[in-house]
Amino acid sequence: MAAAEFIDCYELLEISPNANSGTIERMFRYFAQLYHPDNRDTGDRSRFDVMLEAHNTLRDPVKRAIRS
């Protein structure tokens, strides 16, 4: 993905912009397990990296405020 390309973190994690930290963590863990490169059936390194970036953005209050 290009660095300048907008990534909708909420859409990626399938959560509301009003989601609390517990929901963010729960959905990230679900998708991380699904796309983790060690998962032989559904592993996808590029999608995992994008999910990780979205998670890191939403768990940081400053970055999350910029996205909202």
PDB file of N, CA and C in Angstrom:
ATOM      1  N   MET A   1       0.822  -1.175   0.000  1.00  0.00           N
ATOM      2  CA  MET A   1       0.000   0.000   0.000  1.00  0.00           C
ATOM      3  C   MET A   1       0.871   1.244   0.000  1.00  0.00           C
ATOM      4  N   ALA A   2       0.500   2.230  -0.756  1.00  0.00           N
ATOM      5  CA  ALA A   2       1.264   3.465  -0.809  1.00  0.00           C
ATOM      6  C   ALA A   2       1.134   4.220   0.505  1.00  0.00           C
ATOM      7  N   ALA A   3       2.199   4.901   0.874  1.00  0.00           N
ATOM      8  CA  ALA A   3       2.215   5.622   2.151  1.00  0.00           C
ATOM      9  C   ALA A   3       1.162   6.717   2.186  1.00  0.00           C
ATOM     10  N   ALA A   4       0.881   7.333   1.042  1.00  0.00           N
ATOM     11  CA  ALA A   4      -0.072   8.439   1.000  1.00  0.00           C
ATOM     12  C   ALA A   4      -1.522   7.961   0.906  1.00  0.00           C
ATOM     13  N   GLU A   5      -1.725   6.668   0.699  1.00  0.00           N
ATOM     14  CA  GLU A   5      -3.067   6.120   0.554  1.00  0.00           C
ATOM     15  C   GLU A   5      -3.782   6.123   1.899  1.00  0.00           C
ATOM     16  N   PHE A   6      -5.018   6.628   1.922  1.00  0.00           N
ATOM     17  CA  PHE A   6      -5.801   6.694   3.157  1.00  0.00           C
ATOM     18  C   PHE A   6      -6.278   5.297   3.538  1.00  0.00           C
ATOM     19  N   ILE A   7      -6.095   4.969   4.800  1.00  0.00           N
ATOM     20  CA  ILE A   7      -6.561   3.692   5.323  1.00  0.00           C
ATOM     21  C   ILE A   7      -7.637   3.980   6.360  1.00  0.00           C
ATOM     22  N   ASP A   8      -8.840   3.472   6.151  1.00  0.00           N
ATOM     23  CA  ASP A   8      -9.919   3.650   7.112  1.00  0.00           C
ATOM     24  C   ASP A   8      -9.790   2.566   8.175  1.00  0.00           C
ATOM     25  N   CYS A   9      -9.186   2.936   9.292  1.00  0.00           N
ATOM     26  CA  CYS A   9      -8.914   1.978  10.365  1.00  0.00           C
ATOM     27  C   CYS A   9     -10.191   1.361  10.918  1.00  0.00           C
ATOM     28  N   TYR A  10     -11.223   2.157  11.011  1.00  0.00           N
ATOM     29  CA  TYR A  10     -12.490   1.657  11.549  1.00  0.00           C
ATOM     30  C   TYR A  10     -13.114   0.622  10.621  1.00  0.00           C
ATOM     31  N   GLU A  11     -13.075   0.906   9.334  1.00  0.00           N
ATOM     32  CA  GLU A  11     -13.641  -0.028   8.368  1.00  0.00           C
ATOM     33  C   GLU A  11     -12.835  -1.334   8.336  1.00  0.00           C
ATOM     34  N   LEU A  12     -11.514  -1.226   8.391  1.00  0.00           N
ATOM     35  CA  LEU A  12     -10.676  -2.425   8.384  1.00  0.00           C
ATOM     36  C   LEU A  12     -10.979  -3.349   9.546  1.00  0.00           C
ATOM     37  N   LEU A  13     -11.146  -2.761  10.733  1.00  0.00           N
ATOM     38  CA  LEU A  13     -11.407  -3.567  11.918  1.00  0.00           C
ATOM     39  C   LEU A  13     -12.905  -3.813  12.134  1.00  0.00           C
ATOM     40  N   GLU A  14     -13.719  -3.290  11.209  1.00  0.00           N
ATOM     41  CA  GLU A  14     -15.173  -3.469  11.262  1.00  0.00           C
ATOM     42  C   GLU A  14     -15.755  -3.021  12.597  1.00  0.00           C
ATOM     43  N   ILE A  15     -15.387  -1.798  12.990  1.00  0.00           N
ATOM     44  CA  ILE A  15     -15.877  -1.225  14.241  1.00  0.00           C
ATOM     45  C   ILE A  15     -16.401   0.181  14.001  1.00  0.00           C
ATOM     46  N   SER A  16     -17.146   0.668  14.963  1.00  0.00           N
ATOM     47  CA  SER A  16     -17.673   2.019  14.937  1.00  0.00           C
ATOM     48  C   SER A  16     -16.594   3.001  15.401  1.00  0.00           C
ATOM     49  N   PRO A  17     -16.625   4.228  14.905  1.00  0.00           N
ATOM     50  CA  PRO A  17     -15.697   5.237  15.428  1.00  0.00           C
ATOM     51  C   PRO A  17     -15.881   5.483  16.932  1.00  0.00           C
ATOM     52  N   ASN A  18     -17.001   5.062  17.468  1.00  0.00           N
ATOM     53  CA  ASN A  18     -17.264   5.226  18.902  1.00  0.00           C
ATOM     54  C   ASN A  18     -16.832   4.004  19.720  1.00  0.00           C
ATOM     55  N   ALA A  19     -16.186   3.040  19.095  1.00  0.00           N
ATOM     56  CA  ALA A  19     -15.799   1.798  19.771  1.00  0.00           C
ATOM     57  C   ALA A  19     -14.841   2.079  20.924  1.00  0.00           C
ATOM     58  N   ASN A  20     -15.028   1.328  21.999  1.00  0.00           N
ATOM     59  CA  ASN A  20     -14.122   1.486  23.143  1.00  0.00           C
ATOM     60  C   ASN A  20     -12.876   0.634  22.939  1.00  0.00           C
ATOM     61  N   SER A  21     -11.915   0.771  23.836  1.00  0.00           N
ATOM     62  CA  SER A  21     -10.634   0.071  23.673  1.00  0.00           C
ATOM     63  C   SER A  21     -10.800  -1.446  23.720  1.00  0.00           C
ATOM     64  N   GLY A  22     -11.753  -1.940  24.484  1.00  0.00           N
ATOM     65  CA  GLY A  22     -11.989  -3.376  24.544  1.00  0.00           C
ATOM     66  C   GLY A  22     -12.452  -3.936  23.210  1.00  0.00           C
ATOM     67  N   THR A  23     -13.320  -3.212  22.549  1.00  0.00           N
ATOM     68  CA  THR A  23     -13.811  -3.634  21.235  1.00  0.00           C
ATOM     69  C   THR A  23     -12.695  -3.585  20.205  1.00  0.00           C
ATOM     70  N   ILE A  24     -11.886  -2.545  20.260  1.00  0.00           N
ATOM     71  CA  ILE A  24     -10.760  -2.424  19.332  1.00  0.00           C
ATOM     72  C   ILE A  24      -9.823  -3.616  19.497  1.00  0.00           C
ATOM     73  N   GLU A  25      -9.490  -3.945  20.734  1.00  0.00           N
ATOM     74  CA  GLU A  25      -8.591  -5.070  21.007  1.00  0.00           C
ATOM     75  C   GLU A  25      -9.197  -6.395  20.553  1.00  0.00           C
ATOM     76  N   ARG A  26     -10.465  -6.593  20.852  1.00  0.00           N
ATOM     77  CA  ARG A  26     -11.137  -7.846  20.503  1.00  0.00           C
ATOM     78  C   ARG A  26     -11.154  -8.058  18.987  1.00  0.00           C
ATOM     79  N   MET A  27     -11.502  -7.021  18.238  1.00  0.00           N
ATOM     80  CA  MET A  27     -11.565  -7.149  16.783  1.00  0.00           C
ATOM     81  C   MET A  27     -10.172  -7.291  16.181  1.00  0.00           C
ATOM     82  N   PHE A  28      -9.197  -6.579  16.751  1.00  0.00           N
ATOM     83  CA  PHE A  28      -7.833  -6.737  16.251  1.00  0.00           C
ATOM     84  C   PHE A  28      -7.353  -8.163  16.460  1.00  0.00           C
ATOM     85  N   ARG A  29      -7.583  -8.715  17.625  1.00  0.00           N
ATOM     86  CA  ARG A  29      -7.140 -10.087  17.904  1.00  0.00           C
ATOM     87  C   ARG A  29      -7.795 -11.088  16.945  1.00  0.00           C
ATOM     88  N   TYR A  30      -9.067 -10.865  16.645  1.00  0.00           N
ATOM     89  CA  TYR A  30      -9.769 -11.735  15.705  1.00  0.00           C
ATOM     90  C   TYR A  30      -9.085 -11.704  14.332  1.00  0.00           C
ATOM     91  N   PHE A  31      -8.872 -10.489  13.815  1.00  0.00           N
ATOM     92  CA  PHE A  31      -8.273 -10.368  12.486  1.00  0.00           C
ATOM     93  C   PHE A  31      -6.792 -10.743  12.491  1.00  0.00           C
ATOM     94  N   ALA A  32      -6.095 -10.468  13.575  1.00  0.00           N
ATOM     95  CA  ALA A  32      -4.686 -10.841  13.668  1.00  0.00           C
ATOM     96  C   ALA A  32      -4.541 -12.356  13.586  1.00  0.00           C
ATOM     97  N   GLN A  33      -5.400 -13.060  14.271  1.00  0.00           N
ATOM     98  CA  GLN A  33      -5.364 -14.526  14.226  1.00  0.00           C
ATOM     99  C   GLN A  33      -5.711 -15.020  12.816  1.00  0.00           C
ATOM    100  N   LEU A  34      -6.674 -14.386  12.196  1.00  0.00           N
ATOM    101  CA  LEU A  34      -7.109 -14.793  10.861  1.00  0.00           C
ATOM    102  C   LEU A  34      -6.023 -14.578   9.816  1.00  0.00           C
ATOM    103  N   TYR A  35      -5.353 -13.423   9.855  1.00  0.00           N
ATOM    104  CA  TYR A  35      -4.394 -13.060   8.811  1.00  0.00           C
ATOM    105  C   TYR A  35      -2.933 -13.267   9.194  1.00  0.00           C
ATOM    106  N   HIS A  36      -2.668 -13.753  10.389  1.00  0.00           N
ATOM    107  CA  HIS A  36      -1.279 -13.935  10.805  1.00  0.00           C
ATOM    108  C   HIS A  36      -0.565 -14.857   9.813  1.00  0.00           C
ATOM    109  N   PRO A  37       0.664 -14.508   9.442  1.00  0.00           N
ATOM    110  CA  PRO A  37       1.397 -15.317   8.465  1.00  0.00           C
ATOM    111  C   PRO A  37       1.583 -16.785   8.870  1.00  0.00           C
ATOM    112  N   ASP A  38       1.538 -17.085  10.147  1.00  0.00           N
ATOM    113  CA  ASP A  38       1.668 -18.471  10.596  1.00  0.00           C
ATOM    114  C   ASP A  38       0.401 -19.296  10.374  1.00  0.00           C
ATOM    115  N   ASN A  39      -0.703 -18.636  10.066  1.00  0.00           N
ATOM    116  CA  ASN A  39      -1.958 -19.335   9.803  1.00  0.00           C
ATOM    117  C   ASN A  39      -1.897 -19.892   8.382  1.00  0.00           C
ATOM    118  N   ARG A  40      -1.783 -21.188   8.269  1.00  0.00           N
ATOM    119  CA  ARG A  40      -1.606 -21.820   6.950  1.00  0.00           C
ATOM    120  C   ARG A  40      -2.830 -21.690   6.045  1.00  0.00           C
ATOM    121  N   ASP A  41      -4.018 -21.590   6.627  1.00  0.00           N
ATOM    122  CA  ASP A  41      -5.240 -21.550   5.821  1.00  0.00           C
ATOM    123  C   ASP A  41      -5.584 -20.145   5.331  1.00  0.00           C
ATOM    124  N   THR A  42      -5.489 -19.161   6.211  1.00  0.00           N
ATOM    125  CA  THR A  42      -5.953 -17.813   5.854  1.00  0.00           C
ATOM    126  C   THR A  42      -4.889 -16.745   6.049  1.00  0.00           C
ATOM    127  N   GLY A  43      -3.660 -17.131   6.326  1.00  0.00           N
ATOM    128  CA  GLY A  43      -2.591 -16.160   6.562  1.00  0.00           C
ATOM    129  C   GLY A  43      -2.336 -15.273   5.355  1.00  0.00           C
ATOM    130  N   ASP A  44      -2.138 -13.998   5.620  1.00  0.00           N
ATOM    131  CA  ASP A  44      -1.880 -13.022   4.560  1.00  0.00           C
ATOM    132  C   ASP A  44      -1.035 -11.906   5.180  1.00  0.00           C
ATOM    133  N   ARG A  45       0.263 -11.930   4.920  1.00  0.00           N
ATOM    134  CA  ARG A  45       1.190 -10.993   5.565  1.00  0.00           C
ATOM    135  C   ARG A  45       0.824  -9.532   5.305  1.00  0.00           C
ATOM    136  N   SER A  46       0.460  -9.186   4.092  1.00  0.00           N
ATOM    137  CA  SER A  46       0.156  -7.788   3.787  1.00  0.00           C
ATOM    138  C   SER A  46      -1.098  -7.320   4.526  1.00  0.00           C
ATOM    139  N   ARG A  47      -2.123  -8.152   4.588  1.00  0.00           N
ATOM    140  CA  ARG A  47      -3.336  -7.772   5.328  1.00  0.00           C
ATOM    141  C   ARG A  47      -3.061  -7.699   6.817  1.00  0.00           C
ATOM    142  N   PHE A  48      -2.237  -8.619   7.317  1.00  0.00           N
ATOM    143  CA  PHE A  48      -1.858  -8.595   8.724  1.00  0.00           C
ATOM    144  C   PHE A  48      -1.154  -7.286   9.059  1.00  0.00           C
ATOM    145  N   ASP A  49      -0.242  -6.858   8.207  1.00  0.00           N
ATOM    146  CA  ASP A  49       0.488  -5.606   8.443  1.00  0.00           C
ATOM    147  C   ASP A  49      -0.446  -4.399   8.452  1.00  0.00           C
ATOM    148  N   VAL A  50      -1.429  -4.401   7.559  1.00  0.00           N
ATOM    149  CA  VAL A  50      -2.391  -3.293   7.519  1.00  0.00           C
ATOM    150  C   VAL A  50      -3.254  -3.297   8.778  1.00  0.00           C
ATOM    151  N   MET A  51      -3.669  -4.477   9.226  1.00  0.00           N
ATOM    152  CA  MET A  51      -4.451  -4.583  10.463  1.00  0.00           C
ATOM    153  C   MET A  51      -3.637  -4.099  11.662  1.00  0.00           C
ATOM    154  N   LEU A  52      -2.375  -4.457  11.685  1.00  0.00           N
ATOM    155  CA  LEU A  52      -1.494  -4.038  12.773  1.00  0.00           C
ATOM    156  C   LEU A  52      -1.346  -2.519  12.787  1.00  0.00           C
ATOM    157  N   GLU A  53      -1.193  -1.926  11.623  1.00  0.00           N
ATOM    158  CA  GLU A  53      -1.090  -0.470  11.525  1.00  0.00           C
ATOM    159  C   GLU A  53      -2.383   0.202  12.003  1.00  0.00           C
ATOM    160  N   ALA A  54      -3.519  -0.341  11.600  1.00  0.00           N
ATOM    161  CA  ALA A  54      -4.808   0.213  12.041  1.00  0.00           C
ATOM    162  C   ALA A  54      -4.948   0.104  13.552  1.00  0.00           C
ATOM    163  N   HIS A  55      -4.591  -1.031  14.107  1.00  0.00           N
ATOM    164  CA  HIS A  55      -4.665  -1.238  15.557  1.00  0.00           C
ATOM    165  C   HIS A  55      -3.772  -0.246  16.293  1.00  0.00           C
ATOM    166  N   ASN A  56      -2.539  -0.094  15.836  1.00  0.00           N
ATOM    167  CA  ASN A  56      -1.611   0.833  16.480  1.00  0.00           C
ATOM    168  C   ASN A  56      -2.103   2.274  16.398  1.00  0.00           C
ATOM    169  N   THR A  57      -2.751   2.614  15.319  1.00  0.00           N
ATOM    170  CA  THR A  57      -3.305   3.962  15.170  1.00  0.00           C
ATOM    171  C   THR A  57      -4.456   4.195  16.146  1.00  0.00           C
ATOM    172  N   LEU A  58      -5.365   3.238  16.237  1.00  0.00           N
ATOM    173  CA  LEU A  58      -6.549   3.429  17.071  1.00  0.00           C
ATOM    174  C   LEU A  58      -6.277   3.290  18.560  1.00  0.00           C
ATOM    175  N   ARG A  59      -5.229   2.603  18.947  1.00  0.00           N
ATOM    176  CA  ARG A  59      -4.955   2.487  20.380  1.00  0.00           C
ATOM    177  C   ARG A  59      -4.169   3.669  20.922  1.00  0.00           C
ATOM    178  N   ASP A  60      -3.638   4.508  20.039  1.00  0.00           N
ATOM    179  CA  ASP A  60      -2.935   5.720  20.441  1.00  0.00           C
ATOM    180  C   ASP A  60      -3.935   6.883  20.433  1.00  0.00           C
ATOM    181  N   PRO A  61      -4.247   7.474  21.595  1.00  0.00           N
ATOM    182  CA  PRO A  61      -5.273   8.519  21.656  1.00  0.00           C
ATOM    183  C   PRO A  61      -5.006   9.704  20.730  1.00  0.00           C
ATOM    184  N   VAL A  62      -3.761  10.091  20.563  1.00  0.00           N
ATOM    185  CA  VAL A  62      -3.433  11.234  19.691  1.00  0.00           C
ATOM    186  C   VAL A  62      -3.677  10.876  18.229  1.00  0.00           C
ATOM    187  N   LYS A  63      -3.182   9.726  17.796  1.00  0.00           N
ATOM    188  CA  LYS A  63      -3.394   9.302  16.412  1.00  0.00           C
ATOM    189  C   LYS A  63      -4.872   9.063  16.141  1.00  0.00           C
ATOM    190  N   ARG A  64      -5.578   8.519  17.117  1.00  0.00           N
ATOM    191  CA  ARG A  64      -7.010   8.245  16.931  1.00  0.00           C
ATOM    192  C   ARG A  64      -7.791   9.556  16.789  1.00  0.00           C
ATOM    193  N   ALA A  65      -7.427  10.565  17.550  1.00  0.00           N
ATOM    194  CA  ALA A  65      -8.102  11.855  17.459  1.00  0.00           C
ATOM    195  C   ALA A  65      -7.890  12.484  16.081  1.00  0.00           C
ATOM    196  N   ILE A  66      -6.728  12.287  15.513  1.00  0.00           N
ATOM    197  CA  ILE A  66      -6.457  12.817  14.173  1.00  0.00           C
ATOM    198  C   ILE A  66      -7.326  12.120  13.132  1.00  0.00           C
ATOM    199  N   ARG A  67      -7.570  10.823  13.301  1.00  0.00           N
ATOM    200  CA  ARG A  67      -8.381  10.032  12.363  1.00  0.00           C
ATOM    201  C   ARG A  67      -9.866  10.363  12.453  1.00  0.00           C
ATOM    202  N   SER A  68     -10.303  10.828  13.603  1.00  0.00           N
ATOM    203  CA  SER A  68     -11.743  11.062  13.803  1.00  0.00           C
ATOM    204  C   SER A  68     -12.214  12.349  13.176  1.00  0.00           C
TER     205      SER A  68
END
